[in-house]
Amino acid sequence: MTEKTIRVQQIGSPIRREASQRQTLVGLKLNKMHRIAVLPDNPSVRGMIAKVHHLVRVLDDAA
């Protein structure tokens, strides 16, 4: 079986944001504008995306 993945793109800058939001972007492998990361689609990644939903865009959603 193939593990479900999700593609996420950073669309907002972490400048003037809380340090925890910047750290969440780094945890999602998004630390530069317009970078796209392919991540496993699991509850922990979904929670991280929800925390910085205003800074990222989900490109293709498996759910």
Protein backbone atom coordinates (compact mmCIF):
# COMPACT_ATOMS: atom_id res chain seq x y z
CA MET A 1 0.00 0.00 0.00
CA THR A 2 1.11 3.52 -0.68
CA GLU A 3 1.04 6.04 2.10
CA LYS A 4 -1.18 9.05 1.41
CA THR A 5 0.69 12.28 0.91
CA ILE A 6 -0.27 15.93 0.82
CA ARG A 7 1.41 18.81 -1.04
CA VAL A 8 1.63 22.11 0.82
CA GLN A 9 2.94 25.45 -0.45
CA GLN A 10 4.01 28.41 1.66
CA ILE A 11 2.18 31.55 0.56
CA GLY A 12 2.77 33.86 3.54
CA SER A 13 5.82 35.23 5.27
CA PRO A 14 6.56 34.40 8.92
CA ILE A 15 7.91 37.93 9.46
CA ARG A 16 6.13 39.61 12.41
CA ARG A 17 4.58 36.29 13.45
CA GLU A 18 5.03 34.37 16.69
CA ALA A 19 8.18 32.27 16.89
CA SER A 20 6.08 29.13 17.22
CA GLN A 21 4.53 29.76 13.78
CA ARG A 22 7.98 30.13 12.22
CA GLN A 23 9.07 26.89 13.90
CA THR A 24 5.95 25.14 12.61
CA LEU A 25 6.81 26.19 9.04
CA VAL A 26 10.35 24.85 9.48
CA GLY A 27 8.85 21.61 10.83
CA LEU A 28 6.74 21.38 7.68
CA LYS A 29 9.93 21.89 5.59
CA LEU A 30 8.61 25.28 4.47
CA ASN A 31 11.08 28.01 5.33
CA LYS A 32 11.08 30.04 2.11
CA MET A 33 8.26 31.65 0.16
CA HIS A 34 6.52 29.55 -2.52
CA ARG A 35 8.35 26.37 -1.48
CA ILE A 36 6.33 23.17 -1.94
CA ALA A 37 6.66 20.23 0.45
CA VAL A 38 5.31 16.71 0.03
CA LEU A 39 4.34 15.44 3.47
CA PRO A 40 2.59 12.35 4.84
CA ASP A 41 -1.13 12.88 5.34
CA ASN A 42 -1.56 12.14 9.03
CA PRO A 43 -3.20 13.91 11.99
CA SER A 44 0.03 15.49 13.27
CA VAL A 45 0.80 17.11 9.90
CA ARG A 46 -2.83 18.22 9.57
CA GLY A 47 -2.58 19.86 13.01
CA MET A 48 0.58 21.71 12.00
CA ILE A 49 -1.12 22.91 8.81
CA ALA A 50 -4.12 24.10 10.84
CA LYS A 51 -1.82 26.11 13.11
CA VAL A 52 -0.39 28.09 10.17
CA HIS A 53 -3.36 27.84 7.77
CA HIS A 54 -3.05 31.55 6.95
CA LEU A 55 0.55 31.06 5.72
CA VAL A 56 0.16 27.89 3.63
CA ARG A 57 -1.98 26.48 0.82
CA VAL A 58 -2.86 22.81 0.40
CA LEU A 59 -2.32 22.05 -3.29
CA ASP A 60 -3.87 18.60 -3.48
CA ASP A 61 -5.86 17.09 -0.68
CA ALA A 62 -6.19 13.32 -0.34
CA ALA A 63 -9.22 13.58 1.95
